[in-house]
Amino acid sequence: MTELSAGELARALGSLQPKERKACAQCGEEFVGVLRAKYCSQLCINAAYRERNREELNRKRREKYRRLMGEGHHDR
C-alpha cells in the first residue's frame, strides 16, 4: 500500500468535492470550482484582499515610509 503525503491527500479529497460553474467575485470570469470557491485564481484572491484592506495596507505603507525617512535615508 502507498502512503500519501498530506498535500497529496488534500488534493485527492478536494477532487471528490462537488463542483459548479460560477462567476469570479473579483473579475467576473466564469470558472468551475468547488461550492465554496469565490475566485477563479490566486491573482483575484490577492486583488480582492487588497481592495478589502486598502486603508490598513496604506496606513502600514505610510508608517514604513515615515520610519525610513525619519532615519535619515534622504536622497538630498
N, C-alpha and C. Protein backbone atom coordinates (compact mmCIF):
# COMPACT_ATOMS: atom_id res chain seq x y z
N MET A 1 0.84 -1.18 0.00
CA MET A 1 0.00 0.00 0.00
C MET A 1 0.89 1.25 0.00
N THR A 2 0.48 2.27 -0.76
CA THR A 2 1.26 3.50 -0.88
C THR A 2 0.79 4.53 0.13
N GLU A 3 1.75 5.21 0.76
CA GLU A 3 1.39 6.29 1.68
C GLU A 3 1.38 7.60 0.92
N LEU A 4 0.37 8.43 1.19
CA LEU A 4 0.25 9.73 0.55
C LEU A 4 0.75 10.82 1.50
N SER A 5 1.37 11.83 0.92
CA SER A 5 1.75 12.98 1.75
C SER A 5 0.48 13.76 2.08
N ALA A 6 0.59 14.68 3.02
CA ALA A 6 -0.57 15.48 3.42
C ALA A 6 -1.12 16.27 2.23
N GLY A 7 -0.23 16.84 1.41
CA GLY A 7 -0.67 17.61 0.25
C GLY A 7 -1.37 16.75 -0.78
N GLU A 8 -0.83 15.56 -1.01
CA GLU A 8 -1.45 14.65 -1.98
C GLU A 8 -2.83 14.21 -1.49
N LEU A 9 -2.94 13.95 -0.21
CA LEU A 9 -4.21 13.55 0.37
C LEU A 9 -5.24 14.67 0.26
N ALA A 10 -4.82 15.90 0.54
CA ALA A 10 -5.72 17.05 0.45
C ALA A 10 -6.21 17.24 -0.98
N ARG A 11 -5.29 17.11 -1.96
CA ARG A 11 -5.69 17.24 -3.36
C ARG A 11 -6.66 16.14 -3.77
N ALA A 12 -6.41 14.92 -3.31
CA ALA A 12 -7.28 13.80 -3.64
C ALA A 12 -8.68 14.01 -3.06
N LEU A 13 -8.74 14.45 -1.81
CA LEU A 13 -10.04 14.70 -1.20
C LEU A 13 -10.75 15.88 -1.86
N GLY A 14 -10.00 16.91 -2.23
CA GLY A 14 -10.58 18.07 -2.90
C GLY A 14 -11.18 17.72 -4.24
N SER A 15 -10.59 16.76 -4.92
CA SER A 15 -11.12 16.38 -6.24
C SER A 15 -12.45 15.66 -6.12
N LEU A 16 -12.78 15.19 -4.93
CA LEU A 16 -14.06 14.50 -4.73
C LEU A 16 -15.19 15.46 -4.42
N GLN A 17 -14.87 16.71 -4.08
CA GLN A 17 -15.91 17.69 -3.74
C GLN A 17 -16.72 18.05 -4.98
N PRO A 18 -18.03 18.27 -4.81
CA PRO A 18 -18.85 18.68 -5.95
C PRO A 18 -18.40 20.04 -6.46
N LYS A 19 -18.45 20.21 -7.75
CA LYS A 19 -18.03 21.46 -8.37
C LYS A 19 -19.19 22.05 -9.15
N GLU A 20 -19.13 23.36 -9.37
CA GLU A 20 -20.16 24.03 -10.15
C GLU A 20 -19.55 25.18 -10.95
N ARG A 21 -20.24 25.58 -11.99
CA ARG A 21 -19.84 26.71 -12.82
C ARG A 21 -20.29 27.98 -12.11
N LYS A 22 -19.40 28.96 -12.01
CA LYS A 22 -19.75 30.22 -11.34
C LYS A 22 -18.91 31.35 -11.89
N ALA A 23 -19.26 32.57 -11.49
CA ALA A 23 -18.52 33.77 -11.91
C ALA A 23 -17.62 34.21 -10.77
N CYS A 24 -16.40 34.59 -11.09
CA CYS A 24 -15.44 35.08 -10.11
C CYS A 24 -15.96 36.37 -9.48
N ALA A 25 -15.90 36.46 -8.16
CA ALA A 25 -16.38 37.64 -7.44
C ALA A 25 -15.51 38.87 -7.71
N GLN A 26 -14.30 38.69 -8.20
CA GLN A 26 -13.39 39.81 -8.45
C GLN A 26 -13.44 40.28 -9.90
N CYS A 27 -13.22 39.36 -10.84
CA CYS A 27 -13.10 39.77 -12.24
C CYS A 27 -14.31 39.41 -13.09
N GLY A 28 -15.19 38.56 -12.57
CA GLY A 28 -16.38 38.18 -13.32
C GLY A 28 -16.17 37.03 -14.29
N GLU A 29 -14.94 36.56 -14.41
CA GLU A 29 -14.62 35.43 -15.31
C GLU A 29 -15.36 34.18 -14.84
N GLU A 30 -15.89 33.41 -15.79
CA GLU A 30 -16.56 32.17 -15.44
C GLU A 30 -15.52 31.08 -15.19
N PHE A 31 -15.74 30.26 -14.14
CA PHE A 31 -14.82 29.18 -13.82
C PHE A 31 -15.59 28.04 -13.17
N VAL A 32 -14.98 26.88 -13.11
CA VAL A 32 -15.56 25.73 -12.43
C VAL A 32 -14.81 25.55 -11.13
N GLY A 33 -15.54 25.56 -10.02
CA GLY A 33 -14.88 25.43 -8.73
C GLY A 33 -15.76 24.71 -7.73
N VAL A 34 -15.16 24.38 -6.58
CA VAL A 34 -15.93 23.75 -5.52
C VAL A 34 -16.97 24.74 -5.02
N LEU A 35 -17.95 24.25 -4.30
CA LEU A 35 -19.10 25.07 -3.91
C LEU A 35 -18.71 26.33 -3.15
N ARG A 36 -17.67 26.27 -2.32
CA ARG A 36 -17.31 27.44 -1.52
C ARG A 36 -16.35 28.40 -2.23
N ALA A 37 -15.86 28.05 -3.41
CA ALA A 37 -14.91 28.91 -4.14
C ALA A 37 -15.60 30.20 -4.58
N LYS A 38 -14.90 31.32 -4.42
CA LYS A 38 -15.44 32.62 -4.84
C LYS A 38 -14.62 33.25 -5.96
N TYR A 39 -13.37 32.84 -6.09
CA TYR A 39 -12.45 33.47 -7.02
C TYR A 39 -11.88 32.44 -7.99
N CYS A 40 -11.53 32.90 -9.19
CA CYS A 40 -11.04 32.00 -10.24
C CYS A 40 -9.55 31.71 -10.11
N SER A 41 -8.79 32.55 -9.42
CA SER A 41 -7.34 32.37 -9.36
C SER A 41 -6.77 33.05 -8.11
N GLN A 42 -5.51 32.75 -7.84
CA GLN A 42 -4.82 33.39 -6.72
C GLN A 42 -4.68 34.89 -6.96
N LEU A 43 -4.52 35.31 -8.22
CA LEU A 43 -4.44 36.74 -8.53
C LEU A 43 -5.70 37.47 -8.09
N CYS A 44 -6.86 36.87 -8.36
CA CYS A 44 -8.12 37.50 -7.96
C CYS A 44 -8.30 37.48 -6.44
N ILE A 45 -7.85 36.42 -5.79
CA ILE A 45 -7.91 36.35 -4.32
C ILE A 45 -7.09 37.50 -3.74
N ASN A 46 -5.87 37.70 -4.27
CA ASN A 46 -4.98 38.76 -3.78
C ASN A 46 -5.57 40.14 -4.05
N ALA A 47 -6.13 40.35 -5.23
CA ALA A 47 -6.71 41.65 -5.58
C ALA A 47 -7.88 41.97 -4.67
N ALA A 48 -8.72 40.98 -4.40
CA ALA A 48 -9.88 41.20 -3.51
C ALA A 48 -9.41 41.53 -2.10
N TYR A 49 -8.36 40.86 -1.63
CA TYR A 49 -7.81 41.14 -0.30
C TYR A 49 -7.32 42.59 -0.24
N ARG A 50 -6.58 43.01 -1.28
CA ARG A 50 -6.07 44.39 -1.28
C ARG A 50 -7.21 45.40 -1.29
N GLU A 51 -8.29 45.11 -2.01
CA GLU A 51 -9.43 46.04 -2.02
C GLU A 51 -10.10 46.09 -0.65
N ARG A 52 -10.30 44.92 -0.03
CA ARG A 52 -10.98 44.89 1.27
C ARG A 52 -10.15 45.56 2.35
N ASN A 53 -8.83 45.52 2.23
CA ASN A 53 -7.94 46.01 3.28
C ASN A 53 -7.12 47.22 2.85
N ARG A 54 -7.61 47.96 1.88
CA ARG A 54 -6.85 49.07 1.30
C ARG A 54 -6.40 50.08 2.34
N GLU A 55 -7.30 50.52 3.21
CA GLU A 55 -6.93 51.55 4.21
C GLU A 55 -5.83 51.06 5.14
N GLU A 56 -5.96 49.83 5.63
CA GLU A 56 -4.96 49.27 6.55
C GLU A 56 -3.61 49.12 5.85
N LEU A 57 -3.62 48.63 4.61
CA LEU A 57 -2.37 48.46 3.86
C LEU A 57 -1.70 49.80 3.59
N ASN A 58 -2.50 50.82 3.25
CA ASN A 58 -1.95 52.16 3.01
C ASN A 58 -1.37 52.75 4.29
N ARG A 59 -2.07 52.53 5.43
CA ARG A 59 -1.58 53.03 6.71
C ARG A 59 -0.22 52.42 7.04
N LYS A 60 -0.09 51.11 6.85
CA LYS A 60 1.19 50.44 7.12
C LYS A 60 2.28 50.94 6.19
N ARG A 61 1.93 51.17 4.92
CA ARG A 61 2.91 51.67 3.96
C ARG A 61 3.39 53.06 4.35
N ARG A 62 2.45 53.93 4.79
CA ARG A 62 2.83 55.27 5.23
C ARG A 62 3.74 55.22 6.45
N GLU A 63 3.41 54.35 7.42
CA GLU A 63 4.24 54.22 8.61
C GLU A 63 5.65 53.77 8.26
N LYS A 64 5.75 52.82 7.36
CA LYS A 64 7.07 52.33 6.95
C LYS A 64 7.86 53.45 6.28
N TYR A 65 7.20 54.21 5.41
CA TYR A 65 7.86 55.32 4.73
C TYR A 65 8.35 56.36 5.74
N ARG A 66 7.49 56.70 6.70
CA ARG A 66 7.87 57.70 7.71
C ARG A 66 9.03 57.22 8.56
N ARG A 67 9.03 55.92 8.90
CA ARG A 67 10.14 55.35 9.68
C ARG A 67 11.44 55.47 8.89
N LEU A 68 11.39 55.12 7.61
CA LEU A 68 12.60 55.19 6.79
C LEU A 68 13.08 56.63 6.64
N MET A 69 12.16 57.56 6.42
CA MET A 69 12.54 58.96 6.23
C MET A 69 13.04 59.56 7.55
N GLY A 70 12.52 59.07 8.65
CA GLY A 70 12.94 59.57 9.96
C GLY A 70 14.34 59.10 10.32
N GLU A 71 14.82 58.06 9.68
CA GLU A 71 16.14 57.52 9.97
C GLU A 71 17.23 58.20 9.14
N GLY A 72 16.86 59.20 8.36
CA GLY A 72 17.85 59.95 7.62
C GLY A 72 18.23 59.35 6.28
N HIS A 73 17.37 58.56 5.69
CA HIS A 73 17.63 57.99 4.37
C HIS A 73 17.09 58.93 3.29
N HIS A 74 17.67 60.10 3.21
CA HIS A 74 17.23 61.09 2.24
C HIS A 74 18.16 61.08 1.03
N ASP A 75 17.62 61.41 -0.13
CA ASP A 75 18.43 61.49 -1.35
C ASP A 75 19.23 62.78 -1.39
N ARG A 76 18.78 63.79 -0.72
CA ARG A 76 19.43 65.09 -0.80
C ARG A 76 20.19 65.42 0.45
